[in-house]
Amino acid sequence: MKMYFAIGVFSLSAWASAQAPGASAESFVRGRASYSPALTLSLLKKVESFCISADKSARNMLVAAVAGWQMRHADLLQENARVLDELKAEVNAPKAGPGLKAALDNMLDRRVPEQVETDYKKMVPPDASKGWASKAFVCGANAGMIEDGKYDLERVDPAVADYLRQRIARRKNGGAAAS
């Protein structure tokens, strides 16, 4: 089985339109499902870390927004971990194609952290820490966007959200979730 990965909280659709020849759309979605929700959580937690030293109201708004995001995505994050575990088992299996483990490791160890950093710079501009008012504004604005669902998986990558929800539904109905 061939596995393909695509990356980016803000640029997932570009990857979906540039699929490798012979790759199914589902294999791309499954690859993204192995990291996309966790990537977004890492990004939001990084912004939360920035806002820890902001004034109390901005900090509390951001912390509450991230906690709300985690609650809204709890089932998707759990299924995301299951998909990742499945892919790790597949790439470590004796029958795995050459290069699959290296590709997955590259995605998880290099490309995902790079994407988190790139997206973080979009959410927290470099000059955002040049004063308490600027920091409070950035934290408050990000809290509002998170609360409004801008970073919800259904909006960021609806195909992955649908894929994970279908797996969850199959599991609840007694069917196999793997695909």
N, C-alpha and C. Protein backbone atom coordinates (compact mmCIF):
# COMPACT_ATOMS: atom_id res chain seq x y z
N MET A 1 0.84 -1.17 0.00
CA MET A 1 0.00 0.00 0.00
C MET A 1 0.89 1.24 0.00
N LYS A 2 0.59 2.17 -0.87
CA LYS A 2 1.35 3.41 -0.89
C LYS A 2 0.70 4.39 0.07
N MET A 3 1.53 5.15 0.75
CA MET A 3 1.04 6.18 1.65
C MET A 3 1.61 7.51 1.22
N TYR A 4 0.79 8.51 1.31
CA TYR A 4 1.22 9.84 0.92
C TYR A 4 0.88 10.80 2.05
N PHE A 5 1.69 11.81 2.20
CA PHE A 5 1.48 12.79 3.25
C PHE A 5 1.43 14.17 2.63
N ALA A 6 0.64 15.00 3.20
CA ALA A 6 0.58 16.40 2.80
C ALA A 6 0.61 17.21 4.08
N ILE A 7 0.94 18.47 3.99
CA ILE A 7 1.14 19.24 5.23
C ILE A 7 0.61 20.65 5.14
N GLY A 8 0.31 21.22 6.26
CA GLY A 8 0.00 22.63 6.36
C GLY A 8 -1.38 22.92 6.88
N VAL A 9 -1.46 23.67 7.96
CA VAL A 9 -2.76 24.06 8.49
C VAL A 9 -3.44 25.01 7.52
N PHE A 10 -2.68 25.92 6.92
CA PHE A 10 -3.27 26.92 6.05
C PHE A 10 -3.19 26.56 4.57
N SER A 11 -2.46 25.51 4.22
CA SER A 11 -2.27 25.23 2.81
C SER A 11 -2.55 23.78 2.44
N LEU A 12 -3.44 23.13 3.15
CA LEU A 12 -3.72 21.73 2.87
C LEU A 12 -4.36 21.53 1.50
N SER A 13 -5.21 22.44 1.10
CA SER A 13 -5.90 22.23 -0.17
C SER A 13 -4.93 22.25 -1.35
N ALA A 14 -3.85 23.00 -1.25
CA ALA A 14 -2.87 23.01 -2.33
C ALA A 14 -2.23 21.64 -2.50
N TRP A 15 -1.97 20.97 -1.39
CA TRP A 15 -1.38 19.63 -1.47
C TRP A 15 -2.39 18.64 -2.05
N ALA A 16 -3.64 18.78 -1.66
CA ALA A 16 -4.64 17.84 -2.16
C ALA A 16 -4.77 17.94 -3.67
N SER A 17 -4.57 19.13 -4.22
CA SER A 17 -4.71 19.29 -5.66
C SER A 17 -3.46 18.86 -6.43
N ALA A 18 -2.37 18.60 -5.71
CA ALA A 18 -1.11 18.21 -6.36
C ALA A 18 -0.73 16.78 -5.99
N GLN A 19 -1.69 15.87 -6.09
CA GLN A 19 -1.44 14.49 -5.71
C GLN A 19 -0.48 13.81 -6.67
N ALA A 20 0.28 12.89 -6.11
CA ALA A 20 1.19 12.10 -6.93
C ALA A 20 0.40 11.17 -7.83
N PRO A 21 0.92 10.88 -9.02
CA PRO A 21 0.22 9.97 -9.92
C PRO A 21 -0.02 8.62 -9.24
N GLY A 22 -1.22 8.11 -9.37
CA GLY A 22 -1.54 6.80 -8.82
C GLY A 22 -1.97 6.83 -7.37
N ALA A 23 -1.86 7.97 -6.72
CA ALA A 23 -2.26 8.07 -5.32
C ALA A 23 -3.75 8.32 -5.26
N SER A 24 -4.41 7.63 -4.36
CA SER A 24 -5.84 7.88 -4.20
C SER A 24 -6.03 9.07 -3.29
N ALA A 25 -7.15 9.74 -3.47
CA ALA A 25 -7.47 10.87 -2.60
C ALA A 25 -7.54 10.41 -1.15
N GLU A 26 -8.06 9.20 -0.94
CA GLU A 26 -8.17 8.70 0.43
C GLU A 26 -6.81 8.48 1.08
N SER A 27 -5.81 8.06 0.32
CA SER A 27 -4.48 7.87 0.91
C SER A 27 -3.89 9.21 1.36
N PHE A 28 -4.18 10.28 0.62
CA PHE A 28 -3.72 11.60 1.04
C PHE A 28 -4.45 12.05 2.30
N VAL A 29 -5.76 11.82 2.32
CA VAL A 29 -6.54 12.21 3.48
C VAL A 29 -6.09 11.41 4.70
N ARG A 30 -5.85 10.14 4.54
CA ARG A 30 -5.39 9.31 5.64
C ARG A 30 -4.02 9.78 6.14
N GLY A 31 -3.14 10.13 5.23
CA GLY A 31 -1.84 10.66 5.64
C GLY A 31 -1.99 11.93 6.45
N ARG A 32 -2.83 12.85 5.98
CA ARG A 32 -3.06 14.09 6.73
C ARG A 32 -3.75 13.81 8.06
N ALA A 33 -4.63 12.81 8.08
CA ALA A 33 -5.34 12.47 9.31
C ALA A 33 -4.40 11.95 10.38
N SER A 34 -3.21 11.51 9.97
CA SER A 34 -2.25 11.00 10.95
C SER A 34 -1.56 12.12 11.74
N TYR A 35 -1.67 13.36 11.27
CA TYR A 35 -0.99 14.44 11.97
C TYR A 35 -1.75 15.76 12.04
N SER A 36 -2.71 15.99 11.17
CA SER A 36 -3.33 17.31 11.06
C SER A 36 -3.94 17.83 12.37
N PRO A 37 -4.79 17.05 13.06
CA PRO A 37 -5.34 17.58 14.32
C PRO A 37 -4.25 17.86 15.36
N ALA A 38 -3.27 16.98 15.47
CA ALA A 38 -2.19 17.18 16.44
C ALA A 38 -1.32 18.37 16.05
N LEU A 39 -1.12 18.60 14.76
CA LEU A 39 -0.36 19.76 14.29
C LEU A 39 -1.06 21.04 14.74
N THR A 40 -2.36 21.10 14.54
CA THR A 40 -3.11 22.29 14.93
C THR A 40 -3.05 22.50 16.44
N LEU A 41 -3.18 21.41 17.21
CA LEU A 41 -3.08 21.53 18.66
C LEU A 41 -1.69 22.04 19.05
N SER A 42 -0.64 21.53 18.44
CA SER A 42 0.72 22.01 18.74
C SER A 42 0.84 23.50 18.45
N LEU A 43 0.27 23.93 17.34
CA LEU A 43 0.29 25.34 16.97
C LEU A 43 -0.42 26.18 18.02
N LEU A 44 -1.62 25.77 18.40
CA LEU A 44 -2.39 26.54 19.38
C LEU A 44 -1.70 26.56 20.74
N LYS A 45 -1.07 25.46 21.12
CA LYS A 45 -0.34 25.41 22.39
C LYS A 45 0.88 26.34 22.36
N LYS A 46 1.51 26.44 21.19
CA LYS A 46 2.66 27.35 21.05
C LYS A 46 2.20 28.80 21.21
N VAL A 47 1.06 29.13 20.63
CA VAL A 47 0.50 30.48 20.80
C VAL A 47 0.12 30.69 22.27
N GLU A 48 -0.44 29.67 22.88
CA GLU A 48 -0.80 29.76 24.29
C GLU A 48 0.45 30.05 25.15
N SER A 49 1.55 29.40 24.84
CA SER A 49 2.79 29.64 25.57
C SER A 49 3.24 31.09 25.44
N PHE A 50 3.09 31.64 24.25
CA PHE A 50 3.43 33.05 24.04
C PHE A 50 2.57 33.94 24.92
N CYS A 51 1.30 33.59 25.06
CA CYS A 51 0.35 34.44 25.77
C CYS A 51 0.37 34.26 27.29
N ILE A 52 1.13 33.33 27.78
CA ILE A 52 1.20 33.10 29.23
C ILE A 52 1.66 34.36 29.96
N SER A 53 2.52 35.13 29.34
CA SER A 53 3.02 36.35 30.01
C SER A 53 2.22 37.60 29.61
N ALA A 54 1.13 37.42 28.91
CA ALA A 54 0.28 38.57 28.54
C ALA A 54 -0.55 38.98 29.77
N ASP A 55 -1.24 40.11 29.65
CA ASP A 55 -2.07 40.50 30.78
C ASP A 55 -3.13 39.44 31.03
N LYS A 56 -3.65 39.44 32.25
CA LYS A 56 -4.51 38.34 32.72
C LYS A 56 -5.72 38.11 31.82
N SER A 57 -6.40 39.16 31.40
CA SER A 57 -7.61 38.96 30.60
C SER A 57 -7.29 38.35 29.24
N ALA A 58 -6.23 38.83 28.58
CA ALA A 58 -5.84 38.27 27.27
C ALA A 58 -5.37 36.83 27.43
N ARG A 59 -4.57 36.58 28.45
CA ARG A 59 -4.07 35.23 28.71
C ARG A 59 -5.24 34.27 28.97
N ASN A 60 -6.15 34.69 29.84
CA ASN A 60 -7.28 33.82 30.18
C ASN A 60 -8.19 33.55 28.99
N MET A 61 -8.38 34.56 28.15
CA MET A 61 -9.20 34.36 26.94
C MET A 61 -8.56 33.32 26.02
N LEU A 62 -7.24 33.43 25.83
CA LEU A 62 -6.54 32.49 24.94
C LEU A 62 -6.54 31.09 25.52
N VAL A 63 -6.25 30.97 26.80
CA VAL A 63 -6.24 29.65 27.45
C VAL A 63 -7.62 29.00 27.34
N ALA A 64 -8.67 29.78 27.57
CA ALA A 64 -10.04 29.25 27.46
C ALA A 64 -10.36 28.85 26.03
N ALA A 65 -9.91 29.64 25.07
CA ALA A 65 -10.18 29.32 23.66
C ALA A 65 -9.49 28.02 23.25
N VAL A 66 -8.24 27.84 23.67
CA VAL A 66 -7.51 26.61 23.34
C VAL A 66 -8.16 25.41 24.03
N ALA A 67 -8.57 25.58 25.29
CA ALA A 67 -9.25 24.50 26.00
C ALA A 67 -10.56 24.14 25.29
N GLY A 68 -11.28 25.14 24.82
CA GLY A 68 -12.51 24.89 24.07
C GLY A 68 -12.24 24.14 22.77
N TRP A 69 -11.17 24.53 22.08
CA TRP A 69 -10.79 23.84 20.84
C TRP A 69 -10.49 22.36 21.15
N GLN A 70 -9.74 22.12 22.22
CA GLN A 70 -9.40 20.74 22.58
C GLN A 70 -10.66 19.93 22.90
N MET A 71 -11.61 20.55 23.60
CA MET A 71 -12.85 19.83 23.92
C MET A 71 -13.63 19.53 22.64
N ARG A 72 -13.71 20.50 21.73
CA ARG A 72 -14.44 20.28 20.46
C ARG A 72 -13.78 19.20 19.61
N HIS A 73 -12.47 19.02 19.78
CA HIS A 73 -11.72 18.10 18.93
C HIS A 73 -11.25 16.85 19.66
N ALA A 74 -11.73 16.61 20.86
CA ALA A 74 -11.24 15.48 21.66
C ALA A 74 -11.35 14.15 20.92
N ASP A 75 -12.50 13.89 20.31
CA ASP A 75 -12.67 12.62 19.59
C ASP A 75 -11.79 12.57 18.34
N LEU A 76 -11.62 13.70 17.67
CA LEU A 76 -10.78 13.73 16.47
C LEU A 76 -9.31 13.54 16.83
N LEU A 77 -8.89 14.11 17.95
CA LEU A 77 -7.50 13.94 18.39
C LEU A 77 -7.22 12.48 18.76
N GLN A 78 -8.18 11.82 19.39
CA GLN A 78 -8.00 10.41 19.73
C GLN A 78 -7.92 9.56 18.46
N GLU A 79 -8.78 9.85 17.49
CA GLU A 79 -8.76 9.08 16.25
C GLU A 79 -7.50 9.39 15.45
N ASN A 80 -7.06 10.65 15.50
CA ASN A 80 -5.80 11.06 14.89
C ASN A 80 -4.66 10.20 15.43
N ALA A 81 -4.62 9.98 16.74
CA ALA A 81 -3.58 9.14 17.34
C ALA A 81 -3.69 7.69 16.87
N ARG A 82 -4.91 7.20 16.69
CA ARG A 82 -5.09 5.83 16.19
C ARG A 82 -4.56 5.70 14.76
N VAL A 83 -4.88 6.66 13.92
CA VAL A 83 -4.40 6.63 12.53
C VAL A 83 -2.87 6.66 12.51
N LEU A 84 -2.29 7.53 13.33
CA LEU A 84 -0.83 7.61 13.38
C LEU A 84 -0.22 6.29 13.84
N ASP A 85 -0.82 5.67 14.86
CA ASP A 85 -0.32 4.37 15.33
C ASP A 85 -0.40 3.32 14.22
N GLU A 86 -1.49 3.33 13.46
CA GLU A 86 -1.65 2.38 12.35
C GLU A 86 -0.56 2.59 11.30
N LEU A 87 -0.35 3.85 10.94
CA LEU A 87 0.67 4.15 9.92
C LEU A 87 2.06 3.76 10.40
N LYS A 88 2.35 4.03 11.66
CA LYS A 88 3.66 3.64 12.20
C LYS A 88 3.83 2.12 12.15
N ALA A 89 2.77 1.39 12.48
CA ALA A 89 2.84 -0.07 12.41
C ALA A 89 3.06 -0.53 10.97
N GLU A 90 2.39 0.11 10.02
CA GLU A 90 2.53 -0.26 8.62
C GLU A 90 3.93 0.02 8.09
N VAL A 91 4.50 1.17 8.42
CA VAL A 91 5.82 1.50 7.88
C VAL A 91 6.92 0.71 8.57
N ASN A 92 6.64 0.17 9.75
CA ASN A 92 7.62 -0.65 10.46
C ASN A 92 7.44 -2.14 10.20
N ALA A 93 6.42 -2.50 9.44
CA ALA A 93 6.18 -3.91 9.13
C ALA A 93 7.23 -4.42 8.15
N PRO A 94 7.55 -5.71 8.22
CA PRO A 94 8.55 -6.28 7.30
C PRO A 94 8.20 -6.08 5.81
N LYS A 95 6.90 -6.04 5.49
CA LYS A 95 6.47 -5.90 4.10
C LYS A 95 6.39 -4.45 3.63
N ALA A 96 6.74 -3.52 4.49
CA ALA A 96 6.62 -2.10 4.12
C ALA A 96 7.53 -1.77 2.95
N GLY A 97 7.03 -0.93 2.09
CA GLY A 97 7.82 -0.51 0.94
C GLY A 97 9.04 0.28 1.35
N PRO A 98 10.05 0.28 0.51
CA PRO A 98 11.27 1.02 0.84
C PRO A 98 10.98 2.51 0.94
N GLY A 99 11.51 3.11 1.95
CA GLY A 99 11.40 4.56 2.09
C GLY A 99 10.17 5.05 2.84
N LEU A 100 9.20 4.16 3.13
CA LEU A 100 7.99 4.64 3.80
C LEU A 100 8.28 5.13 5.21
N LYS A 101 9.09 4.38 5.96
CA LYS A 101 9.41 4.81 7.32
C LYS A 101 10.15 6.14 7.30
N ALA A 102 11.10 6.27 6.40
CA ALA A 102 11.85 7.52 6.30
C ALA A 102 10.92 8.69 5.94
N ALA A 103 9.96 8.43 5.05
CA ALA A 103 9.02 9.48 4.66
C ALA A 103 8.15 9.90 5.84
N LEU A 104 7.66 8.93 6.60
CA LEU A 104 6.84 9.26 7.77
C LEU A 104 7.68 9.97 8.83
N ASP A 105 8.87 9.47 9.09
CA ASP A 105 9.74 10.13 10.06
C ASP A 105 10.06 11.57 9.64
N ASN A 106 10.33 11.77 8.36
CA ASN A 106 10.60 13.10 7.84
C ASN A 106 9.39 14.02 8.06
N MET A 107 8.22 13.48 7.79
CA MET A 107 7.00 14.27 7.96
C MET A 107 6.82 14.67 9.43
N LEU A 108 6.95 13.71 10.32
CA LEU A 108 6.67 13.97 11.73
C LEU A 108 7.78 14.73 12.44
N ASP A 109 9.02 14.44 12.08
CA ASP A 109 10.16 15.02 12.81
C ASP A 109 10.68 16.32 12.21
N ARG A 110 10.39 16.57 10.93
CA ARG A 110 10.93 17.77 10.29
C ARG A 110 9.83 18.67 9.74
N ARG A 111 8.99 18.11 8.88
CA ARG A 111 8.03 18.96 8.17
C ARG A 111 6.90 19.47 9.06
N VAL A 112 6.38 18.62 9.94
CA VAL A 112 5.32 19.10 10.83
C VAL A 112 5.83 20.21 11.74
N PRO A 113 6.98 20.04 12.42
CA PRO A 113 7.47 21.16 13.23
C PRO A 113 7.76 22.43 12.41
N GLU A 114 8.25 22.27 11.20
CA GLU A 114 8.48 23.43 10.34
C GLU A 114 7.17 24.14 10.04
N GLN A 115 6.11 23.36 9.77
CA GLN A 115 4.81 23.95 9.46
C GLN A 115 4.24 24.66 10.69
N VAL A 116 4.40 24.06 11.86
CA VAL A 116 3.94 24.71 13.09
C VAL A 116 4.64 26.06 13.24
N GLU A 117 5.93 26.08 13.02
CA GLU A 117 6.70 27.33 13.15
C GLU A 117 6.25 28.37 12.12
N THR A 118 6.03 27.94 10.88
CA THR A 118 5.57 28.86 9.83
C THR A 118 4.20 29.44 10.18
N ASP A 119 3.29 28.58 10.61
CA ASP A 119 1.95 29.05 10.95
C ASP A 119 1.95 29.91 12.21
N TYR A 120 2.83 29.59 13.14
CA TYR A 120 2.96 30.38 14.37
C TYR A 120 3.37 31.82 14.03
N LYS A 121 4.28 31.97 13.09
CA LYS A 121 4.72 33.31 12.69
C LYS A 121 3.58 34.11 12.06
N LYS A 122 2.61 33.41 11.48
CA LYS A 122 1.43 34.10 10.94
C LYS A 122 0.49 34.54 12.06
N MET A 123 0.42 33.74 13.11
CA MET A 123 -0.47 34.05 14.22
C MET A 123 0.15 35.04 15.22
N VAL A 124 1.48 34.97 15.37
CA VAL A 124 2.19 35.81 16.32
C VAL A 124 3.33 36.51 15.56
N PRO A 125 3.06 37.69 15.04
CA PRO A 125 4.11 38.40 14.29
C PRO A 125 5.32 38.68 15.17
N PRO A 126 6.50 38.77 14.55
CA PRO A 126 7.73 38.97 15.32
C PRO A 126 7.71 40.17 16.26
N ASP A 127 7.02 41.24 15.90
CA ASP A 127 7.00 42.43 16.74
C ASP A 127 5.88 42.40 17.79
N ALA A 128 5.19 41.27 17.91
CA ALA A 128 4.04 41.17 18.83
C ALA A 128 4.43 41.28 20.29
N SER A 129 5.67 41.04 20.62
CA SER A 129 6.06 41.08 22.03
C SER A 129 6.74 42.40 22.41
N LYS A 130 6.53 43.41 21.59
CA LYS A 130 7.18 44.71 21.85
C LYS A 130 6.32 45.62 22.73
N GLY A 131 5.68 45.06 23.68
CA GLY A 131 4.86 45.85 24.60
C GLY A 131 3.64 45.07 25.03
N TRP A 132 3.16 45.39 26.20
CA TRP A 132 2.05 44.61 26.74
C TRP A 132 0.78 44.79 25.91
N ALA A 133 0.56 45.98 25.35
CA ALA A 133 -0.66 46.21 24.57
C ALA A 133 -0.64 45.39 23.29
N SER A 134 0.51 45.34 22.64
CA SER A 134 0.64 44.56 21.41
C SER A 134 0.43 43.07 21.70
N LYS A 135 1.04 42.62 22.76
CA LYS A 135 0.91 41.20 23.13
C LYS A 135 -0.54 40.87 23.48
N ALA A 136 -1.17 41.74 24.25
CA ALA A 136 -2.57 41.53 24.63
C ALA A 136 -3.47 41.51 23.39
N PHE A 137 -3.19 42.41 22.43
CA PHE A 137 -3.98 42.44 21.21
C PHE A 137 -3.85 41.13 20.44
N VAL A 138 -2.61 40.67 20.24
CA VAL A 138 -2.37 39.43 19.49
C VAL A 138 -3.04 38.25 20.18
N CYS A 139 -2.91 38.18 21.49
CA CYS A 139 -3.52 37.06 22.23
C CYS A 139 -5.04 37.12 22.16
N GLY A 140 -5.59 38.31 22.31
CA GLY A 140 -7.04 38.47 22.23
C GLY A 140 -7.58 38.16 20.83
N ALA A 141 -6.87 38.64 19.82
CA ALA A 141 -7.30 38.37 18.44
C ALA A 141 -7.26 36.88 18.13
N ASN A 142 -6.19 36.21 18.55
CA ASN A 142 -6.09 34.77 18.32
C ASN A 142 -7.16 34.01 19.10
N ALA A 143 -7.44 34.45 20.33
CA ALA A 143 -8.50 33.81 21.11
C ALA A 143 -9.83 33.90 20.37
N GLY A 144 -10.12 35.08 19.83
CA GLY A 144 -11.36 35.26 19.07
C GLY A 144 -11.44 34.36 17.85
N MET A 145 -10.34 34.26 17.12
CA MET A 145 -10.34 33.40 15.92
C MET A 145 -10.51 31.92 16.30
N ILE A 146 -9.86 31.51 17.39
CA ILE A 146 -9.99 30.12 17.83
C ILE A 146 -11.43 29.85 18.26
N GLU A 147 -12.01 30.77 19.05
CA GLU A 147 -13.40 30.62 19.49
C GLU A 147 -14.37 30.61 18.31
N ASP A 148 -14.08 31.40 17.30
CA ASP A 148 -14.94 31.47 16.11
C ASP A 148 -14.78 30.26 15.20
N GLY A 149 -13.86 29.37 15.52
CA GLY A 149 -13.70 28.14 14.75
C GLY A 149 -12.77 28.24 13.56
N LYS A 150 -12.00 29.32 13.46
CA LYS A 150 -11.10 29.46 12.32
C LYS A 150 -10.11 28.30 12.22
N TYR A 151 -9.74 27.72 13.35
CA TYR A 151 -8.76 26.63 13.36
C TYR A 151 -9.40 25.27 13.59
N ASP A 152 -10.72 25.22 13.54
CA ASP A 152 -11.41 23.93 13.68
C ASP A 152 -11.13 23.08 12.45
N LEU A 153 -10.96 21.81 12.67
CA LEU A 153 -10.59 20.90 11.60
C LEU A 153 -11.64 20.89 10.48
N GLU A 154 -12.89 21.04 10.83
CA GLU A 154 -13.95 21.07 9.81
C GLU A 154 -13.74 22.21 8.83
N ARG A 155 -13.10 23.27 9.28
CA ARG A 155 -12.83 24.42 8.43
C ARG A 155 -11.46 24.34 7.75
N VAL A 156 -10.46 23.90 8.51
CA VAL A 156 -9.09 23.85 8.02
C VAL A 156 -8.91 22.74 7.00
N ASP A 157 -9.47 21.56 7.30
CA ASP A 157 -9.34 20.41 6.40
C ASP A 157 -10.59 19.54 6.53
N PRO A 158 -11.66 19.95 5.85
CA PRO A 158 -12.93 19.22 5.99
C PRO A 158 -12.83 17.74 5.58
N ALA A 159 -11.97 17.43 4.63
CA ALA A 159 -11.83 16.03 4.21
C ALA A 159 -11.28 15.17 5.35
N VAL A 160 -10.31 15.69 6.08
CA VAL A 160 -9.76 14.95 7.22
C VAL A 160 -10.80 14.84 8.33
N ALA A 161 -11.52 15.93 8.60
CA ALA A 161 -12.56 15.87 9.63
C ALA A 161 -13.59 14.81 9.29
N ASP A 162 -14.04 14.78 8.02
CA ASP A 162 -15.02 13.77 7.59
C ASP A 162 -14.45 12.37 7.72
N TYR A 163 -13.21 12.18 7.28
CA TYR A 163 -12.55 10.88 7.34
C TYR A 163 -12.49 10.37 8.79
N LEU A 164 -12.05 11.23 9.70
CA LEU A 164 -11.93 10.81 11.10
C LEU A 164 -13.30 10.54 11.71
N ARG A 165 -14.28 11.38 11.40
CA ARG A 165 -15.64 11.16 11.93
C ARG A 165 -16.24 9.85 11.40
N GLN A 166 -15.98 9.52 10.14
CA GLN A 166 -16.47 8.24 9.59
C GLN A 166 -15.82 7.07 10.31
N ARG A 167 -14.54 7.16 10.59
CA ARG A 167 -13.86 6.09 11.34
C ARG A 167 -14.45 5.95 12.73
N ILE A 168 -14.71 7.07 13.38
CA ILE A 168 -15.29 7.05 14.73
C ILE A 168 -16.67 6.41 14.68
N ALA A 169 -17.47 6.79 13.69
CA ALA A 169 -18.82 6.23 13.56
C ALA A 169 -18.76 4.71 13.32
N ARG A 170 -17.85 4.28 12.45
CA ARG A 170 -17.72 2.83 12.20
C ARG A 170 -17.34 2.09 13.47
N ARG A 171 -16.45 2.66 14.24
CA ARG A 171 -16.03 2.02 15.49
C ARG A 171 -17.21 1.92 16.45
N LYS A 172 -17.98 3.01 16.57
CA LYS A 172 -19.13 3.02 17.48
C LYS A 172 -20.20 2.03 17.03
N ASN A 173 -20.28 1.81 15.73
CA ASN A 173 -21.28 0.87 15.20
C ASN A 173 -20.75 -0.55 15.13
N GLY A 174 -19.58 -0.77 15.69
CA GLY A 174 -19.02 -2.13 15.74
C GLY A 174 -18.22 -2.53 14.52
N GLY A 175 -18.03 -1.64 13.59
CA GLY A 175 -17.25 -1.95 12.38
C GLY A 175 -15.78 -1.60 12.59
N ALA A 176 -14.98 -2.05 11.69
CA ALA A 176 -13.54 -1.73 11.74
C ALA A 176 -13.35 -0.29 11.33
N ALA A 177 -12.50 0.43 12.04
CA ALA A 177 -12.26 1.83 11.74
C ALA A 177 -11.17 2.02 10.71
N ALA A 178 -10.28 1.05 10.62
CA ALA A 178 -9.13 1.18 9.71
C ALA A 178 -9.59 1.18 8.27
N SER A 179 -8.90 2.00 7.48
CA SER A 179 -9.18 1.99 6.04
C SER A 179 -7.95 2.29 5.26
